[in-house]
């Protein structure tokens, strides 16, 4: 079945980078905090499982990870915006803690409930990312959380409906549109 992309969804949708990381300790105000926000691109194909990618872990499972937040996707298109806002910082793929750096999937076009095929896996959009203070730690800027949310460039979480192999360069194909008419951007506006 051919599915027509939403308004503003690029006809080319790709997985630009797959990023993983394991939790590490960082010092904040003389205290050690454990965080999994430090992600780095991986080469080759990676197994996407119901709860995460092989080689990836979350530090605090009470707010990160789990079946509804197995994968965090962030549009590569947003990196240019942040490079202008933060010209003194290097911004490699995975900088925002995302597992998938994508192309062609923007918050104003992606609906909650949209289903996609990536590699041999299938995923469904569950919710936008609402950042926590650890994003500020990653960027070394306490105000980053507020700036990130205000920008509307939040990315979104995916649940895994079919495990499979994924890799940078994979096409992302829309399988079905969510019945809910709310886009990720619509939900973010409720919080911003």
N, C-alpha and C. Protein backbone atom coordinates (compact mmCIF):
# COMPACT_ATOMS: atom_id res chain seq x y z
N UNK A 1 0.84 -1.18 0.00
CA UNK A 1 0.00 0.00 0.00
C UNK A 1 0.88 1.24 0.00
N UNK A 2 0.61 2.17 -0.88
CA UNK A 2 1.36 3.43 -0.96
C UNK A 2 0.72 4.44 0.00
N UNK A 3 1.52 5.04 0.86
CA UNK A 3 1.02 6.04 1.80
C UNK A 3 1.58 7.38 1.40
N UNK A 4 0.72 8.38 1.31
CA UNK A 4 1.16 9.72 0.96
C UNK A 4 1.73 10.40 2.20
N UNK A 5 2.93 11.00 2.10
CA UNK A 5 3.49 11.70 3.26
C UNK A 5 2.63 12.89 3.66
N UNK A 6 2.74 13.29 4.92
CA UNK A 6 2.04 14.46 5.44
C UNK A 6 2.55 15.73 4.77
N UNK A 7 1.80 16.79 4.94
CA UNK A 7 2.23 18.12 4.53
C UNK A 7 3.59 18.39 5.18
N UNK A 8 4.48 18.97 4.45
CA UNK A 8 5.83 19.35 4.91
C UNK A 8 6.77 18.17 5.16
N UNK A 9 6.33 16.95 4.99
CA UNK A 9 7.23 15.82 5.14
C UNK A 9 8.00 15.67 3.84
N UNK A 10 9.29 15.61 3.93
CA UNK A 10 10.12 15.49 2.74
C UNK A 10 9.82 14.18 2.03
N UNK A 11 9.93 14.19 0.71
CA UNK A 11 9.75 12.95 -0.03
C UNK A 11 10.94 12.03 0.18
N UNK A 12 12.06 12.59 0.62
CA UNK A 12 13.24 11.78 0.93
C UNK A 12 13.38 11.72 2.44
N UNK A 13 13.24 10.52 2.98
CA UNK A 13 13.39 10.33 4.41
C UNK A 13 14.48 9.28 4.61
N UNK A 14 15.49 9.65 5.37
CA UNK A 14 16.66 8.77 5.55
C UNK A 14 17.11 8.75 7.00
N UNK A 15 17.77 7.68 7.34
CA UNK A 15 18.48 7.56 8.60
C UNK A 15 19.91 8.03 8.33
N UNK A 16 20.27 9.18 8.87
CA UNK A 16 21.57 9.79 8.60
C UNK A 16 22.66 9.17 9.47
N UNK A 17 22.33 8.93 10.74
CA UNK A 17 23.31 8.38 11.68
C UNK A 17 22.61 7.56 12.75
N UNK A 18 23.25 6.48 13.17
CA UNK A 18 22.80 5.68 14.31
C UNK A 18 23.80 5.94 15.42
N UNK A 19 23.30 6.34 16.60
CA UNK A 19 24.16 6.78 17.70
C UNK A 19 23.83 6.01 18.97
N UNK A 20 24.86 5.54 19.64
CA UNK A 20 24.67 4.78 20.88
C UNK A 20 25.66 5.27 21.93
N UNK A 21 25.38 4.91 23.16
CA UNK A 21 26.28 5.24 24.26
C UNK A 21 25.86 4.50 25.51
N UNK A 22 26.78 4.38 26.43
CA UNK A 22 26.46 3.77 27.71
C UNK A 22 26.58 4.85 28.79
N UNK A 23 25.83 4.70 29.88
CA UNK A 23 25.87 5.73 30.92
C UNK A 23 27.28 5.95 31.47
N UNK A 24 27.52 7.21 31.79
CA UNK A 24 28.80 7.59 32.41
C UNK A 24 28.54 8.62 33.48
N UNK A 25 29.47 8.72 34.39
CA UNK A 25 29.36 9.69 35.47
C UNK A 25 29.95 11.03 35.07
N UNK A 26 29.26 12.10 35.43
CA UNK A 26 29.76 13.47 35.22
C UNK A 26 29.56 14.23 36.53
N UNK A 27 30.40 15.22 36.75
CA UNK A 27 30.31 15.99 37.98
C UNK A 27 29.48 17.24 37.76
N UNK A 28 28.53 17.46 38.64
CA UNK A 28 27.68 18.64 38.61
C UNK A 28 27.52 19.13 40.04
N UNK A 29 28.00 20.34 40.30
CA UNK A 29 27.90 20.93 41.64
C UNK A 29 28.41 19.97 42.72
N UNK A 30 29.62 19.47 42.50
CA UNK A 30 30.29 18.58 43.44
C UNK A 30 29.57 17.27 43.69
N UNK A 31 28.77 16.87 42.73
CA UNK A 31 28.02 15.62 42.83
C UNK A 31 28.20 14.85 41.53
N UNK A 32 28.25 13.53 41.61
CA UNK A 32 28.37 12.72 40.40
C UNK A 32 26.97 12.33 39.94
N UNK A 33 26.70 12.63 38.68
CA UNK A 33 25.43 12.32 38.04
C UNK A 33 25.71 11.28 36.97
N UNK A 34 24.89 10.26 36.87
CA UNK A 34 25.04 9.27 35.82
C UNK A 34 24.08 9.62 34.69
N UNK A 35 24.60 9.66 33.47
CA UNK A 35 23.78 10.02 32.32
C UNK A 35 24.15 9.19 31.11
N UNK A 36 23.15 8.91 30.29
CA UNK A 36 23.36 8.20 29.03
C UNK A 36 23.23 9.13 27.83
N UNK A 37 23.28 10.45 28.04
CA UNK A 37 23.06 11.40 26.96
C UNK A 37 24.23 11.47 25.97
N UNK A 38 25.38 10.97 26.35
CA UNK A 38 26.55 11.02 25.47
C UNK A 38 26.47 9.87 24.46
N UNK A 39 26.07 10.19 23.24
CA UNK A 39 25.93 9.20 22.17
C UNK A 39 26.94 9.50 21.08
N UNK A 40 27.41 8.46 20.42
CA UNK A 40 28.35 8.60 19.31
C UNK A 40 27.88 7.74 18.15
N UNK A 41 28.14 8.22 16.92
CA UNK A 41 27.76 7.44 15.74
C UNK A 41 28.49 6.10 15.70
N UNK A 42 27.78 5.09 15.19
CA UNK A 42 28.39 3.78 15.00
C UNK A 42 28.38 3.45 13.51
N UNK A 43 29.33 2.67 13.10
CA UNK A 43 29.42 2.23 11.71
C UNK A 43 28.71 0.90 11.56
N UNK A 44 28.26 0.64 10.37
CA UNK A 44 27.64 -0.65 10.09
C UNK A 44 26.20 -0.72 10.58
N UNK A 45 25.70 -1.93 10.65
CA UNK A 45 24.31 -2.16 11.02
C UNK A 45 24.22 -2.53 12.49
N UNK A 46 23.13 -2.13 13.11
CA UNK A 46 22.93 -2.35 14.54
C UNK A 46 21.53 -2.96 14.73
N UNK A 47 21.43 -3.86 15.66
CA UNK A 47 20.14 -4.48 15.97
C UNK A 47 19.31 -3.53 16.84
N UNK A 48 18.10 -3.24 16.36
CA UNK A 48 17.14 -2.43 17.11
C UNK A 48 16.18 -3.39 17.80
N UNK A 49 16.16 -3.31 19.12
CA UNK A 49 15.32 -4.21 19.91
C UNK A 49 14.17 -3.43 20.55
N UNK A 50 13.27 -4.13 21.19
CA UNK A 50 12.07 -3.51 21.78
C UNK A 50 12.39 -2.38 22.75
N UNK A 51 13.53 -2.46 23.44
CA UNK A 51 13.84 -1.46 24.46
C UNK A 51 15.00 -0.53 24.10
N UNK A 52 15.77 -0.85 23.09
CA UNK A 52 16.86 0.04 22.67
C UNK A 52 17.68 -0.61 21.56
N UNK A 53 18.71 0.09 21.16
CA UNK A 53 19.66 -0.43 20.18
C UNK A 53 20.75 -1.21 20.89
N UNK A 54 21.29 -2.24 20.25
CA UNK A 54 22.45 -2.91 20.83
C UNK A 54 23.56 -1.89 21.03
N UNK A 55 24.18 -1.91 22.20
CA UNK A 55 25.27 -0.99 22.50
C UNK A 55 24.81 0.31 23.14
N UNK A 56 23.50 0.45 23.36
CA UNK A 56 22.97 1.68 23.94
C UNK A 56 22.27 1.35 25.26
N UNK A 57 22.41 2.25 26.22
CA UNK A 57 21.75 2.08 27.53
C UNK A 57 21.30 3.45 28.03
N UNK A 58 20.31 3.45 28.91
CA UNK A 58 19.85 4.66 29.56
C UNK A 58 20.24 4.58 31.04
N UNK A 59 20.46 5.74 31.64
CA UNK A 59 20.90 5.78 33.04
C UNK A 59 19.73 5.71 34.01
N UNK A 60 18.65 6.42 33.72
CA UNK A 60 17.52 6.50 34.65
C UNK A 60 16.27 6.01 33.94
N UNK A 61 15.95 4.74 34.10
CA UNK A 61 14.83 4.13 33.40
C UNK A 61 13.46 4.62 33.89
N UNK A 62 13.43 5.40 34.95
CA UNK A 62 12.14 5.94 35.40
C UNK A 62 11.67 7.07 34.49
N UNK A 63 12.58 7.70 33.76
CA UNK A 63 12.20 8.81 32.86
C UNK A 63 12.73 8.65 31.43
N UNK A 64 13.67 7.76 31.23
CA UNK A 64 14.26 7.55 29.90
C UNK A 64 14.12 6.09 29.50
N UNK A 65 14.02 5.85 28.23
CA UNK A 65 13.95 4.47 27.74
C UNK A 65 12.59 3.85 28.00
N UNK A 66 12.56 2.54 27.95
CA UNK A 66 11.31 1.81 28.09
C UNK A 66 10.66 1.61 26.73
N UNK A 67 9.58 0.86 26.71
CA UNK A 67 8.94 0.49 25.45
C UNK A 67 8.47 1.69 24.64
N UNK A 68 7.95 2.73 25.29
CA UNK A 68 7.44 3.89 24.56
C UNK A 68 8.53 4.88 24.16
N UNK A 69 9.71 4.72 24.73
CA UNK A 69 10.83 5.63 24.42
C UNK A 69 12.08 4.82 24.10
N UNK A 70 11.92 3.79 23.30
CA UNK A 70 13.04 2.90 22.98
C UNK A 70 14.11 3.61 22.16
N UNK A 71 13.68 4.54 21.30
CA UNK A 71 14.60 5.23 20.40
C UNK A 71 14.24 6.71 20.38
N UNK A 72 15.26 7.55 20.44
CA UNK A 72 15.06 8.99 20.31
C UNK A 72 15.54 9.41 18.93
N UNK A 73 14.65 10.03 18.15
CA UNK A 73 14.98 10.50 16.79
C UNK A 73 15.06 12.02 16.78
N UNK A 74 16.10 12.55 16.11
CA UNK A 74 16.28 14.00 16.02
C UNK A 74 16.63 14.37 14.59
N UNK A 75 15.91 15.36 14.02
CA UNK A 75 16.15 15.75 12.63
C UNK A 75 17.52 16.39 12.41
N UNK A 76 18.23 15.91 11.41
CA UNK A 76 19.53 16.49 11.04
C UNK A 76 19.37 17.94 10.60
N UNK A 77 18.19 18.29 10.08
CA UNK A 77 17.94 19.65 9.61
C UNK A 77 18.09 20.68 10.73
N UNK A 78 17.91 20.27 11.98
CA UNK A 78 18.01 21.21 13.11
C UNK A 78 19.44 21.56 13.47
N UNK A 79 20.39 20.75 13.05
CA UNK A 79 21.78 21.02 13.41
C UNK A 79 22.25 22.37 12.89
N UNK A 80 21.81 22.79 11.72
CA UNK A 80 22.22 24.09 11.18
C UNK A 80 21.74 25.23 12.08
N UNK A 81 20.51 25.13 12.56
CA UNK A 81 19.98 26.13 13.49
C UNK A 81 20.88 26.23 14.72
N UNK A 82 21.22 25.09 15.29
CA UNK A 82 22.03 25.10 16.52
C UNK A 82 23.47 25.54 16.25
N UNK A 83 23.99 25.26 15.08
CA UNK A 83 25.34 25.74 14.75
C UNK A 83 25.38 27.26 14.71
N UNK A 84 24.30 27.87 14.25
CA UNK A 84 24.22 29.35 14.25
C UNK A 84 24.06 29.89 15.67
N UNK A 85 23.26 29.20 16.49
CA UNK A 85 23.03 29.64 17.87
C UNK A 85 24.24 29.40 18.77
N UNK A 86 25.01 28.35 18.47
CA UNK A 86 26.15 27.94 19.30
C UNK A 86 27.40 27.82 18.45
N UNK A 87 27.87 28.92 17.86
CA UNK A 87 28.98 28.85 16.90
C UNK A 87 30.30 28.36 17.49
N UNK A 88 30.42 28.41 18.81
CA UNK A 88 31.67 27.98 19.45
C UNK A 88 31.71 26.49 19.76
N UNK A 89 30.62 25.77 19.46
CA UNK A 89 30.55 24.35 19.80
C UNK A 89 30.64 23.47 18.57
N UNK A 90 31.32 22.34 18.74
CA UNK A 90 31.25 21.29 17.73
C UNK A 90 29.96 20.52 17.98
N UNK A 91 29.27 20.19 16.90
CA UNK A 91 28.01 19.47 17.03
C UNK A 91 28.00 18.23 16.15
N UNK A 92 28.66 17.17 16.60
CA UNK A 92 28.63 15.92 15.83
C UNK A 92 27.27 15.25 15.96
N UNK A 93 26.93 14.37 15.02
CA UNK A 93 25.69 13.61 15.12
C UNK A 93 25.65 12.93 16.49
N UNK A 94 24.49 12.92 17.10
CA UNK A 94 24.32 12.32 18.43
C UNK A 94 24.46 13.32 19.56
N UNK A 95 24.80 14.56 19.26
CA UNK A 95 25.05 15.58 20.29
C UNK A 95 23.84 15.82 21.17
N UNK A 96 22.65 15.67 20.64
CA UNK A 96 21.44 15.92 21.43
C UNK A 96 20.98 14.68 22.18
N UNK A 97 21.79 13.64 22.15
CA UNK A 97 21.46 12.40 22.83
C UNK A 97 20.58 11.48 22.00
N UNK A 98 20.44 11.83 20.71
CA UNK A 98 19.57 11.03 19.85
C UNK A 98 20.22 9.72 19.42
N UNK A 99 19.37 8.71 19.28
CA UNK A 99 19.81 7.44 18.72
C UNK A 99 19.79 7.48 17.20
N UNK A 100 18.78 8.12 16.65
CA UNK A 100 18.64 8.24 15.20
C UNK A 100 18.72 9.72 14.83
N UNK A 101 19.69 10.06 14.01
CA UNK A 101 19.71 11.38 13.37
C UNK A 101 19.05 11.14 12.02
N UNK A 102 17.94 11.85 11.77
CA UNK A 102 17.12 11.59 10.60
C UNK A 102 17.15 12.75 9.61
N UNK A 103 16.67 12.48 8.40
CA UNK A 103 16.46 13.51 7.40
C UNK A 103 15.04 13.36 6.87
N UNK A 104 14.31 14.49 6.81
CA UNK A 104 12.98 14.48 6.22
C UNK A 104 11.84 14.24 7.18
N UNK A 105 12.11 14.17 8.47
CA UNK A 105 11.06 13.95 9.47
C UNK A 105 11.05 15.11 10.46
N UNK A 106 10.25 16.11 10.16
CA UNK A 106 10.19 17.29 11.03
C UNK A 106 8.96 17.26 11.91
N UNK A 107 9.06 17.89 13.07
CA UNK A 107 8.02 17.84 14.09
C UNK A 107 6.67 18.36 13.61
N UNK A 108 6.65 19.31 12.68
CA UNK A 108 5.37 19.86 12.23
C UNK A 108 4.67 18.97 11.21
N UNK A 109 5.33 17.90 10.78
CA UNK A 109 4.74 16.99 9.81
C UNK A 109 4.52 15.58 10.35
N UNK A 110 5.27 15.21 11.36
CA UNK A 110 5.17 13.86 11.93
C UNK A 110 4.08 13.84 12.99
N UNK A 111 3.16 12.89 12.86
CA UNK A 111 2.06 12.76 13.81
C UNK A 111 2.35 11.69 14.85
N UNK A 112 1.78 11.90 16.02
CA UNK A 112 1.81 10.85 17.03
C UNK A 112 1.05 9.66 16.42
N UNK A 113 1.66 8.49 16.44
CA UNK A 113 1.03 7.29 15.89
C UNK A 113 1.50 6.93 14.49
N UNK A 114 2.29 7.81 13.85
CA UNK A 114 2.83 7.45 12.53
C UNK A 114 3.74 6.23 12.67
N UNK A 115 3.65 5.34 11.69
CA UNK A 115 4.47 4.12 11.68
C UNK A 115 5.44 4.18 10.51
N UNK A 116 6.68 3.79 10.77
CA UNK A 116 7.73 3.83 9.76
C UNK A 116 8.48 2.51 9.71
N UNK A 117 8.99 2.18 8.54
CA UNK A 117 9.92 1.07 8.36
C UNK A 117 11.30 1.68 8.17
N UNK A 118 12.25 1.20 8.96
CA UNK A 118 13.64 1.64 8.86
C UNK A 118 14.48 0.37 8.85
N UNK A 119 15.24 0.17 7.78
CA UNK A 119 15.97 -1.09 7.64
C UNK A 119 14.97 -2.23 7.67
N UNK A 120 15.21 -3.22 8.52
CA UNK A 120 14.26 -4.34 8.65
C UNK A 120 13.37 -4.18 9.88
N UNK A 121 13.43 -3.01 10.52
CA UNK A 121 12.62 -2.76 11.72
C UNK A 121 11.39 -1.91 11.38
N UNK A 122 10.45 -1.88 12.32
CA UNK A 122 9.30 -0.99 12.22
C UNK A 122 9.14 -0.28 13.55
N UNK A 123 8.80 1.01 13.47
CA UNK A 123 8.67 1.84 14.66
C UNK A 123 7.42 2.69 14.57
N UNK A 124 6.98 3.21 15.72
CA UNK A 124 5.82 4.10 15.78
C UNK A 124 6.17 5.31 16.64
N UNK A 125 5.75 6.49 16.21
CA UNK A 125 6.00 7.73 16.95
C UNK A 125 5.09 7.76 18.17
N UNK A 126 5.67 7.98 19.36
CA UNK A 126 4.89 7.94 20.59
C UNK A 126 4.73 9.31 21.25
N UNK A 127 5.77 10.14 21.24
CA UNK A 127 5.71 11.42 21.95
C UNK A 127 6.93 12.27 21.61
N UNK A 128 6.82 13.59 21.85
CA UNK A 128 8.00 14.43 21.66
C UNK A 128 8.97 14.22 22.81
N UNK A 129 10.18 14.64 22.59
CA UNK A 129 11.15 14.62 23.68
C UNK A 129 10.98 15.91 24.48
N UNK A 130 10.84 15.77 25.76
CA UNK A 130 10.84 16.92 26.65
C UNK A 130 12.15 16.81 27.44
N UNK A 131 13.06 17.75 27.23
CA UNK A 131 14.41 17.61 27.76
C UNK A 131 14.49 17.76 29.28
N UNK A 132 15.49 17.12 29.84
CA UNK A 132 15.77 17.27 31.27
C UNK A 132 17.10 18.01 31.41
N UNK A 133 17.49 18.26 32.64
CA UNK A 133 18.69 19.03 32.94
C UNK A 133 19.97 18.41 32.36
N UNK A 134 19.92 17.13 32.01
CA UNK A 134 21.12 16.48 31.49
C UNK A 134 21.50 17.00 30.11
N UNK A 135 20.54 17.56 29.37
CA UNK A 135 20.88 18.21 28.11
C UNK A 135 21.78 19.41 28.39
N UNK A 136 21.49 20.14 29.46
CA UNK A 136 22.34 21.26 29.86
C UNK A 136 23.74 20.80 30.23
N UNK A 137 23.83 19.64 30.88
CA UNK A 137 25.15 19.08 31.21
C UNK A 137 25.91 18.77 29.93
N UNK A 138 25.25 18.14 28.98
CA UNK A 138 25.90 17.75 27.72
C UNK A 138 26.46 18.97 26.99
N UNK A 139 25.71 20.07 27.02
CA UNK A 139 26.14 21.28 26.31
C UNK A 139 26.95 22.23 27.18
N UNK A 140 27.02 21.95 28.48
CA UNK A 140 27.75 22.84 29.38
C UNK A 140 27.07 24.19 29.51
N UNK A 141 25.76 24.21 29.34
CA UNK A 141 24.97 25.45 29.41
C UNK A 141 23.65 25.15 30.13
N UNK A 142 23.48 25.73 31.30
CA UNK A 142 22.27 25.48 32.09
C UNK A 142 21.01 25.92 31.36
N UNK A 143 21.10 26.96 30.54
CA UNK A 143 19.91 27.49 29.84
C UNK A 143 19.56 26.71 28.59
N UNK A 144 20.33 25.68 28.28
CA UNK A 144 20.10 24.92 27.05
C UNK A 144 18.74 24.23 27.05
N UNK A 145 18.29 23.76 28.19
CA UNK A 145 17.01 23.06 28.26
C UNK A 145 15.88 24.01 27.85
N UNK A 146 15.90 25.21 28.39
CA UNK A 146 14.87 26.20 28.07
C UNK A 146 14.93 26.58 26.59
N UNK A 147 16.14 26.82 26.07
CA UNK A 147 16.32 27.19 24.66
C UNK A 147 15.85 26.07 23.74
N UNK A 148 16.17 24.86 24.11
CA UNK A 148 15.81 23.69 23.31
C UNK A 148 14.29 23.56 23.19
N UNK A 149 13.60 23.63 24.31
CA UNK A 149 12.14 23.51 24.30
C UNK A 149 11.50 24.69 23.57
N UNK A 150 11.97 25.89 23.81
CA UNK A 150 11.42 27.08 23.16
C UNK A 150 11.61 27.05 21.64
N UNK A 151 12.67 26.38 21.18
CA UNK A 151 12.95 26.32 19.74
C UNK A 151 11.93 25.47 18.99
N UNK A 152 11.26 24.57 19.71
CA UNK A 152 10.35 23.63 19.07
C UNK A 152 11.06 22.51 18.34
N UNK A 153 12.36 22.51 18.39
CA UNK A 153 13.18 21.50 17.70
C UNK A 153 13.54 20.40 18.71
N UNK A 154 12.55 19.59 19.04
CA UNK A 154 12.72 18.62 20.12
C UNK A 154 12.99 17.20 19.68
N UNK A 155 12.62 16.86 18.45
CA UNK A 155 12.68 15.46 18.05
C UNK A 155 11.56 14.69 18.72
N UNK A 156 11.62 13.38 18.64
CA UNK A 156 10.52 12.57 19.17
C UNK A 156 10.99 11.16 19.47
N UNK A 157 10.19 10.49 20.29
CA UNK A 157 10.48 9.11 20.67
C UNK A 157 9.72 8.13 19.79
N UNK A 158 10.33 6.96 19.65
CA UNK A 158 9.76 5.87 18.87
C UNK A 158 9.67 4.61 19.72
N UNK A 159 8.57 3.89 19.56
CA UNK A 159 8.45 2.54 20.12
C UNK A 159 8.77 1.58 18.97
N UNK A 160 9.32 0.44 19.30
CA UNK A 160 9.69 -0.56 18.29
C UNK A 160 8.56 -1.58 18.19
N UNK A 161 7.95 -1.66 17.00
CA UNK A 161 6.87 -2.63 16.79
C UNK A 161 7.38 -3.89 16.11
N UNK A 162 8.55 -3.79 15.46
CA UNK A 162 9.20 -4.98 14.89
C UNK A 162 10.70 -4.78 15.00
N UNK A 163 11.35 -5.68 15.72
CA UNK A 163 12.80 -5.60 15.85
C UNK A 163 13.45 -5.86 14.50
N UNK A 164 14.64 -5.27 14.30
CA UNK A 164 15.35 -5.49 13.05
C UNK A 164 16.67 -4.73 13.02
N UNK A 165 17.37 -4.88 11.92
CA UNK A 165 18.67 -4.24 11.73
C UNK A 165 18.49 -2.87 11.08
N UNK A 166 19.26 -1.88 11.59
CA UNK A 166 19.24 -0.52 11.03
C UNK A 166 20.67 -0.05 10.83
N UNK A 167 20.84 0.91 9.93
CA UNK A 167 22.15 1.49 9.71
C UNK A 167 22.03 2.82 9.00
N UNK A 168 23.05 3.66 9.17
CA UNK A 168 23.08 4.95 8.50
C UNK A 168 22.91 4.73 7.00
N UNK A 169 22.10 5.59 6.38
CA UNK A 169 21.83 5.48 4.95
C UNK A 169 20.54 4.75 4.63
N UNK A 170 19.95 4.07 5.63
CA UNK A 170 18.68 3.38 5.39
C UNK A 170 17.59 4.37 5.03
N UNK A 171 16.74 3.97 4.10
CA UNK A 171 15.53 4.74 3.82
C UNK A 171 14.58 4.61 5.00
N UNK A 172 13.81 5.67 5.23
CA UNK A 172 12.73 5.62 6.21
C UNK A 172 11.44 5.71 5.40
N UNK A 173 10.60 4.70 5.54
CA UNK A 173 9.37 4.65 4.74
C UNK A 173 8.15 4.72 5.67
N UNK A 174 7.25 5.61 5.32
CA UNK A 174 6.00 5.73 6.06
C UNK A 174 5.11 4.53 5.73
N UNK A 175 4.72 3.77 6.75
CA UNK A 175 3.85 2.61 6.58
C UNK A 175 2.39 3.04 6.71
N UNK A 176 2.11 3.80 7.78
CA UNK A 176 0.75 4.29 7.99
C UNK A 176 0.79 5.56 8.83
N UNK A 177 -0.21 6.39 8.62
CA UNK A 177 -0.31 7.64 9.36
C UNK A 177 -1.10 7.42 10.64
N UNK A 178 -0.70 8.13 11.68
CA UNK A 178 -1.41 8.03 12.94
C UNK A 178 -2.83 8.54 12.81
N UNK A 179 -3.76 7.89 13.47
CA UNK A 179 -5.16 8.32 13.44
C UNK A 179 -5.33 9.66 14.14
N UNK A 180 -4.45 9.90 15.11
CA UNK A 180 -4.46 11.17 15.82
C UNK A 180 -3.96 12.24 14.85
N UNK A 181 -4.65 13.35 14.76
CA UNK A 181 -4.23 14.43 13.86
C UNK A 181 -3.14 15.31 14.46
N UNK A 182 -2.80 15.08 15.73
CA UNK A 182 -1.80 15.92 16.40
C UNK A 182 -0.40 15.57 15.92
N UNK A 183 0.33 16.61 15.53
CA UNK A 183 1.72 16.42 15.17
C UNK A 183 2.57 16.51 16.44
N UNK A 184 3.82 16.13 16.31
CA UNK A 184 4.76 16.27 17.43
C UNK A 184 4.82 17.74 17.85
N UNK A 185 4.88 18.65 16.87
CA UNK A 185 4.95 20.09 17.16
C UNK A 185 3.72 20.56 17.94
N UNK A 186 2.54 20.04 17.61
CA UNK A 186 1.32 20.40 18.33
C UNK A 186 1.45 20.08 19.82
N UNK A 187 1.99 18.91 20.11
CA UNK A 187 2.14 18.48 21.50
C UNK A 187 3.20 19.33 22.20
N UNK A 188 4.30 19.63 21.52
CA UNK A 188 5.37 20.44 22.12
C UNK A 188 4.83 21.82 22.51
N UNK A 189 3.98 22.40 21.66
CA UNK A 189 3.42 23.73 21.95
C UNK A 189 2.63 23.75 23.27
N UNK A 190 2.10 22.62 23.68
CA UNK A 190 1.40 22.56 24.95
C UNK A 190 2.34 22.76 26.14
N UNK A 191 3.62 22.45 25.96
CA UNK A 191 4.60 22.55 27.03
C UNK A 191 5.46 23.80 26.97
N UNK A 192 5.61 24.36 25.78
CA UNK A 192 6.53 25.51 25.61
C UNK A 192 5.94 26.79 26.14
